[in-house]
PDB file of N, CA and C in Angstrom:
ATOM      1  N   MET A   1     103.282  55.101 114.822  1.00  0.00           N
ATOM      2  CA  MET A   1     102.532  55.894 113.874  1.00  0.00           C
ATOM      3  C   MET A   1     103.033  57.333 113.906  1.00  0.00           C
ATOM      4  N   ASN A   2     103.152  57.923 112.738  1.00  0.00           N
ATOM      5  CA  ASN A   2     103.661  59.278 112.631  1.00  0.00           C
ATOM      6  C   ASN A   2     102.556  60.274 112.992  1.00  0.00           C
ATOM      7  N   SER A   3     102.891  61.251 113.812  1.00  0.00           N
ATOM      8  CA  SER A   3     101.878  62.210 114.267  1.00  0.00           C
ATOM      9  C   SER A   3     102.085  63.581 113.611  1.00  0.00           C
ATOM     10  N   LEU A   4     102.173  63.599 112.297  1.00  0.00           N
ATOM     11  CA  LEU A   4     102.303  64.863 111.586  1.00  0.00           C
ATOM     12  C   LEU A   4     100.972  65.620 111.621  1.00  0.00           C
ATOM     13  N   THR A   5     101.071  66.935 111.678  1.00  0.00           N
ATOM     14  CA  THR A   5      99.853  67.740 111.579  1.00  0.00           C
ATOM     15  C   THR A   5      99.352  67.698 110.136  1.00  0.00           C
ATOM     16  N   THR A   6      98.151  68.167 109.927  1.00  0.00           N
ATOM     17  CA  THR A   6      97.581  68.184 108.582  1.00  0.00           C
ATOM     18  C   THR A   6      98.449  69.005 107.632  1.00  0.00           C
ATOM     19  N   ILE A   7      98.893  70.161 108.076  1.00  0.00           N
ATOM     20  CA  ILE A   7      99.747  71.014 107.243  1.00  0.00           C
ATOM     21  C   ILE A   7     101.058  70.300 106.921  1.00  0.00           C
ATOM     22  N   GLU A   8     101.647  69.647 107.892  1.00  0.00           N
ATOM     23  CA  GLU A   8     102.895  68.911 107.657  1.00  0.00           C
ATOM     24  C   GLU A   8     102.680  67.769 106.664  1.00  0.00           C
ATOM     25  N   GLN A   9     101.546  67.101 106.754  1.00  0.00           N
ATOM     26  CA  GLN A   9     101.249  66.017 105.815  1.00  0.00           C
ATOM     27  C   GLN A   9     101.097  66.552 104.398  1.00  0.00           C
ATOM     28  N   ILE A  10     100.411  67.681 104.252  1.00  0.00           N
ATOM     29  CA  ILE A  10     100.236  68.299 102.936  1.00  0.00           C
ATOM     30  C   ILE A  10     101.587  68.676 102.351  1.00  0.00           C
ATOM     31  N   GLN A  11     102.446  69.271 103.165  1.00  0.00           N
ATOM     32  CA  GLN A  11     103.772  69.667 102.703  1.00  0.00           C
ATOM     33  C   GLN A  11     104.634  68.449 102.397  1.00  0.00           C
ATOM     34  N   PHE A  12     104.551  67.405 103.231  1.00  0.00           N
ATOM     35  CA  PHE A  12     105.340  66.194 103.063  1.00  0.00           C
ATOM     36  C   PHE A  12     104.990  65.495 101.754  1.00  0.00           C
ATOM     37  N   LYS A  13     103.717  65.461 101.420  1.00  0.00           N
ATOM     38  CA  LYS A  13     103.246  64.781 100.203  1.00  0.00           C
ATOM     39  C   LYS A  13     103.256  65.709  98.981  1.00  0.00           C
ATOM     40  N   ASN A  14     103.653  66.967  99.156  1.00  0.00           N
ATOM     41  CA  ASN A  14     103.647  67.965  98.078  1.00  0.00           C
ATOM     42  C   ASN A  14     102.262  68.124  97.454  1.00  0.00           C
ATOM     43  N   THR A  15     101.235  68.038  98.272  1.00  0.00           N
ATOM     44  CA  THR A  15      99.861  68.176  97.802  1.00  0.00           C
ATOM     45  C   THR A  15      99.594  69.629  97.413  1.00  0.00           C
ATOM     46  N   ASN A  16      98.980  69.814  96.268  1.00  0.00           N
ATOM     47  CA  ASN A  16      98.637  71.149  95.802  1.00  0.00           C
ATOM     48  C   ASN A  16      97.456  71.670  96.618  1.00  0.00           C
ATOM     49  N   PRO A  17      97.649  72.738  97.383  1.00  0.00           N
ATOM     50  CA  PRO A  17      96.568  73.241  98.238  1.00  0.00           C
ATOM     51  C   PRO A  17      95.363  73.753  97.448  1.00  0.00           C
ATOM     52  N   ILE A  18      95.554  74.157  96.196  1.00  0.00           N
ATOM     53  CA  ILE A  18      94.429  74.621  95.377  1.00  0.00           C
ATOM     54  C   ILE A  18      93.418  73.489  95.182  1.00  0.00           C
ATOM     55  N   VAL A  19      93.927  72.273  94.987  1.00  0.00           N
ATOM     56  CA  VAL A  19      93.044  71.117  94.824  1.00  0.00           C
ATOM     57  C   VAL A  19      92.230  70.906  96.098  1.00  0.00           C
ATOM     58  N   LEU A  20      92.879  71.000  97.251  1.00  0.00           N
ATOM     59  CA  LEU A  20      92.181  70.808  98.518  1.00  0.00           C
ATOM     60  C   LEU A  20      91.113  71.869  98.737  1.00  0.00           C
ATOM     61  N   VAL A  21      91.404  73.095  98.342  1.00  0.00           N
ATOM     62  CA  VAL A  21      90.417  74.174  98.473  1.00  0.00           C
ATOM     63  C   VAL A  21      89.185  73.856  97.633  1.00  0.00           C
ATOM     64  N   ARG A  22      89.378  73.313  96.433  1.00  0.00           N
ATOM     65  CA  ARG A  22      88.247  72.971  95.562  1.00  0.00           C
ATOM     66  C   ARG A  22      87.405  71.842  96.158  1.00  0.00           C
ATOM     67  N   VAL A  23      88.063  70.864  96.771  1.00  0.00           N
ATOM     68  CA  VAL A  23      87.338  69.752  97.401  1.00  0.00           C
ATOM     69  C   VAL A  23      86.560  70.262  98.612  1.00  0.00           C
ATOM     70  N   ILE A  24      87.180  71.103  99.413  1.00  0.00           N
ATOM     71  CA  ILE A  24      86.506  71.675 100.585  1.00  0.00           C
ATOM     72  C   ILE A  24      85.305  72.511 100.147  1.00  0.00           C
ATOM     73  N   ARG A  25      85.453  73.259  99.072  1.00  0.00           N
ATOM     74  CA  ARG A  25      84.334  74.064  98.549  1.00  0.00           C
ATOM     75  C   ARG A  25      83.174  73.163  98.129  1.00  0.00           C
ATOM     76  N   ALA A  26      83.488  72.063  97.458  1.00  0.00           N
ATOM     77  CA  ALA A  26      82.448  71.124  97.033  1.00  0.00           C
ATOM     78  C   ALA A  26      81.746  70.519  98.249  1.00  0.00           C
ATOM     79  N   LEU A  27      82.506  70.156  99.286  1.00  0.00           N
ATOM     80  CA  LEU A  27      81.922  69.631 100.523  1.00  0.00           C
ATOM     81  C   LEU A  27      80.985  70.654 101.160  1.00  0.00           C
ATOM     82  N   HIS A  28      81.431  71.880 101.212  1.00  0.00           N
ATOM     83  CA  HIS A  28      80.622  72.952 101.807  1.00  0.00           C
ATOM     84  C   HIS A  28      79.322  73.140 101.032  1.00  0.00           C
ATOM     85  N   ASN A  29      79.412  73.150  99.699  1.00  0.00           N
ATOM     86  CA  ASN A  29      78.213  73.337  98.882  1.00  0.00           C
ATOM     87  C   ASN A  29      77.199  72.220  99.112  1.00  0.00           C
ATOM     88  N   LEU A  30      77.673  70.987  99.227  1.00  0.00           N
ATOM     89  CA  LEU A  30      76.760  69.875  99.506  1.00  0.00           C
ATOM     90  C   LEU A  30      76.135  70.014 100.885  1.00  0.00           C
ATOM     91  N   THR A  31      76.936  70.404 101.855  1.00  0.00           N
ATOM     92  CA  THR A  31      76.449  70.553 103.229  1.00  0.00           C
ATOM     93  C   THR A  31      75.394  71.644 103.327  1.00  0.00           C
ATOM     94  N   GLU A  32      75.615  72.746 102.647  1.00  0.00           N
ATOM     95  CA  GLU A  32      74.666  73.864 102.692  1.00  0.00           C
ATOM     96  C   GLU A  32      73.418  73.583 101.867  1.00  0.00           C
ATOM     97  N   GLY A  33      73.497  72.657 100.929  1.00  0.00           N
ATOM     98  CA  GLY A  33      72.338  72.314 100.095  1.00  0.00           C
ATOM     99  C   GLY A  33      71.518  71.228 100.762  1.00  0.00           C
ATOM    100  N   THR A  34      71.308  70.130 100.055  1.00  0.00           N
ATOM    101  CA  THR A  34      70.491  69.041 100.584  1.00  0.00           C
ATOM    102  C   THR A  34      71.244  68.207 101.611  1.00  0.00           C
ATOM    103  N   GLY A  35      72.576  68.302 101.618  1.00  0.00           N
ATOM    104  CA  GLY A  35      73.368  67.501 102.546  1.00  0.00           C
ATOM    105  C   GLY A  35      73.548  66.074 102.072  1.00  0.00           C
ATOM    106  N   PHE A  36      73.133  65.801 100.836  1.00  0.00           N
ATOM    107  CA  PHE A  36      73.224  64.454 100.295  1.00  0.00           C
ATOM    108  C   PHE A  36      73.759  64.551  98.874  1.00  0.00           C
ATOM    109  N   GLY A  37      74.785  63.805  98.582  1.00  0.00           N
ATOM    110  CA  GLY A  37      75.351  63.827  97.237  1.00  0.00           C
ATOM    111  C   GLY A  37      76.713  63.173  97.219  1.00  0.00           C
ATOM    112  N   ARG A  38      77.464  63.476  96.173  1.00  0.00           N
ATOM    113  CA  ARG A  38      78.805  62.896  96.064  1.00  0.00           C
ATOM    114  C   ARG A  38      79.751  63.890  95.414  1.00  0.00           C
ATOM    115  N   ILE A  39      81.030  63.675  95.670  1.00  0.00           N
ATOM    116  CA  ILE A  39      82.077  64.486  95.068  1.00  0.00           C
ATOM    117  C   ILE A  39      82.971  63.545  94.285  1.00  0.00           C
ATOM    118  N   THR A  40      83.236  63.890  93.032  1.00  0.00           N
ATOM    119  CA  THR A  40      84.090  63.088  92.176  1.00  0.00           C
ATOM    120  C   THR A  40      85.277  63.941  91.748  1.00  0.00           C
ATOM    121  N   ILE A  41      86.466  63.358  91.837  1.00  0.00           N
ATOM    122  CA  ILE A  41      87.681  64.040  91.406  1.00  0.00           C
ATOM    123  C   ILE A  41      88.175  63.344  90.148  1.00  0.00           C
ATOM    124  N   PHE A  42      88.298  64.101  89.066  1.00  0.00           N
ATOM    125  CA  PHE A  42      88.760  63.567  87.793  1.00  0.00           C
ATOM    126  C   PHE A  42      90.242  63.888  87.616  1.00  0.00           C
ATOM    127  N   MET A  43      91.003  62.877  87.236  1.00  0.00           N
ATOM    128  CA  MET A  43      92.441  63.050  87.023  1.00  0.00           C
ATOM    129  C   MET A  43      92.828  62.533  85.650  1.00  0.00           C
ATOM    130  N   LYS A  44      93.832  63.171  85.064  1.00  0.00           N
ATOM    131  CA  LYS A  44      94.408  62.706  83.811  1.00  0.00           C
ATOM    132  C   LYS A  44      95.883  63.067  83.825  1.00  0.00           C
ATOM    133  N   ASP A  45      96.723  62.080  83.635  1.00  0.00           N
ATOM    134  CA  ASP A  45      98.173  62.285  83.575  1.00  0.00           C
ATOM    135  C   ASP A  45      98.720  63.026  84.797  1.00  0.00           C
ATOM    136  N   GLY A  46      98.237  62.654  85.979  1.00  0.00           N
ATOM    137  CA  GLY A  46      98.740  63.254  87.212  1.00  0.00           C
ATOM    138  C   GLY A  46      98.233  64.652  87.500  1.00  0.00           C
ATOM    139  N   ARG A  47      97.234  65.096  86.767  1.00  0.00           N
ATOM    140  CA  ARG A  47      96.664  66.432  86.978  1.00  0.00           C
ATOM    141  C   ARG A  47      95.182  66.300  87.285  1.00  0.00           C
ATOM    142  N   ILE A  48      94.714  67.104  88.220  1.00  0.00           N
ATOM    143  CA  ILE A  48      93.283  67.152  88.502  1.00  0.00           C
ATOM    144  C   ILE A  48      92.650  67.989  87.395  1.00  0.00           C
ATOM    145  N   THR A  49      91.687  67.404  86.701  1.00  0.00           N
ATOM    146  CA  THR A  49      91.022  68.134  85.624  1.00  0.00           C
ATOM    147  C   THR A  49      89.681  68.713  86.076  1.00  0.00           C
ATOM    148  N   MET A  50      89.072  68.099  87.114  1.00  0.00           N
ATOM    149  CA  MET A  50      87.772  68.592  87.563  1.00  0.00           C
ATOM    150  C   MET A  50      87.452  68.042  88.946  1.00  0.00           C
ATOM    151  N   VAL A  51      86.844  68.874  89.765  1.00  0.00           N
ATOM    152  CA  VAL A  51      86.236  68.437  91.023  1.00  0.00           C
ATOM    153  C   VAL A  51      84.744  68.701  90.843  1.00  0.00           C
ATOM    154  N   GLU A  52      83.981  67.620  90.795  1.00  0.00           N
ATOM    155  CA  GLU A  52      82.553  67.731  90.508  1.00  0.00           C
ATOM    156  C   GLU A  52      81.743  67.326  91.731  1.00  0.00           C
ATOM    157  N   SER A  53      80.786  68.155  92.118  1.00  0.00           N
ATOM    158  CA  SER A  53      79.879  67.768  93.188  1.00  0.00           C
ATOM    159  C   SER A  53      78.495  67.575  92.588  1.00  0.00           C
ATOM    160  N   LEU A  54      77.855  66.513  92.989  1.00  0.00           N
ATOM    161  CA  LEU A  54      76.528  66.186  92.499  1.00  0.00           C
ATOM    162  C   LEU A  54      75.596  66.132  93.694  1.00  0.00           C
ATOM    163  N   GLU A  55      74.729  67.104  93.772  1.00  0.00           N
ATOM    164  CA  GLU A  55      73.777  67.168  94.877  1.00  0.00           C
ATOM    165  C   GLU A  55      72.519  66.400  94.487  1.00  0.00           C
ATOM    166  N   SER A  56      71.984  65.662  95.422  1.00  0.00           N
ATOM    167  CA  SER A  56      70.807  64.844  95.152  1.00  0.00           C
ATOM    168  C   SER A  56      69.749  65.069  96.223  1.00  0.00           C
ATOM    169  N   ASP A  57      68.521  64.774  95.865  1.00  0.00           N
ATOM    170  CA  ASP A  57      67.435  64.755  96.833  1.00  0.00           C
ATOM    171  C   ASP A  57      67.206  63.307  97.221  1.00  0.00           C
ATOM    172  N   LYS A  58      67.350  63.003  98.493  1.00  0.00           N
ATOM    173  CA  LYS A  58      67.125  61.655  98.982  1.00  0.00           C
ATOM    174  C   LYS A  58      65.622  61.454  99.116  1.00  0.00           C
ATOM    175  N   VAL A  59      65.079  60.452  98.426  1.00  0.00           N
ATOM    176  CA  VAL A  59      63.631  60.285  98.370  1.00  0.00           C
ATOM    177  C   VAL A  59      63.178  59.081  99.187  1.00  0.00           C
ATOM    178  N   GLU A  60      63.607  57.885  98.842  1.00  0.00           N
ATOM    179  CA  GLU A  60      63.226  56.657  99.534  1.00  0.00           C
ATOM    180  C   GLU A  60      61.712  56.486  99.644  1.00  0.00           C
ATOM    181  N   GLU A  61      61.026  56.624  98.532  1.00  0.00           N
ATOM    182  CA  GLU A  61      59.579  56.452  98.477  1.00  0.00           C
ATOM    183  C   GLU A  61      59.247  55.363  97.465  1.00  0.00           C
ATOM    184  N   LYS A  62      58.098  54.710  97.645  1.00  0.00           N
ATOM    185  CA  LYS A  62      57.639  53.695  96.702  1.00  0.00           C
ATOM    186  C   LYS A  62      57.299  54.349  95.366  1.00  0.00           C
ATOM    187  N   THR A  63      57.551  53.617  94.287  1.00  0.00           N
ATOM    188  CA  THR A  63      57.169  54.116  92.961  1.00  0.00           C
ATOM    189  C   THR A  63      55.669  54.054  92.785  1.00  0.00           C
ATOM    190  N   ILE A  64      55.046  52.961  93.201  1.00  0.00           N
ATOM    191  CA  ILE A  64      53.596  52.785  93.111  1.00  0.00           C
ATOM    192  C   ILE A  64      53.000  52.974  94.501  1.00  0.00           C
ATOM    193  N   VAL A  65      52.001  53.843  94.599  1.00  0.00           N
ATOM    194  CA  VAL A  65      51.368  54.139  95.875  1.00  0.00           C
ATOM    195  C   VAL A  65      50.196  53.180  96.071  1.00  0.00           C
ATOM    196  N   ASP A  66      50.107  52.570  97.248  1.00  0.00           N
ATOM    197  CA  ASP A  66      48.986  51.681  97.557  1.00  0.00           C
ATOM    198  C   ASP A  66      47.701  52.484  97.615  1.00  0.00           C
ATOM    199  N   LYS A  67      46.627  51.873  97.083  1.00  0.00           N
ATOM    200  CA  LYS A  67      45.327  52.579  97.071  1.00  0.00           C
ATOM    201  C   LYS A  67      44.533  52.254  98.306  1.00  0.00           C
TER     202      LYS A  67
END
């Protein structure tokens, strides 16, 4: 198994660091908020068009309350 560092892997794959910064920002925003949600990366023709984070409130409660 190859033991490249994270920076070496990014350089090896020619990953655009701006995209990674946007994903990290979305992760941070979710962590600082409710801590529950998802991040979606939209691509078109080999280009990232949007990094979207959707924060949610985790509820897990019954719809009808017993009387």
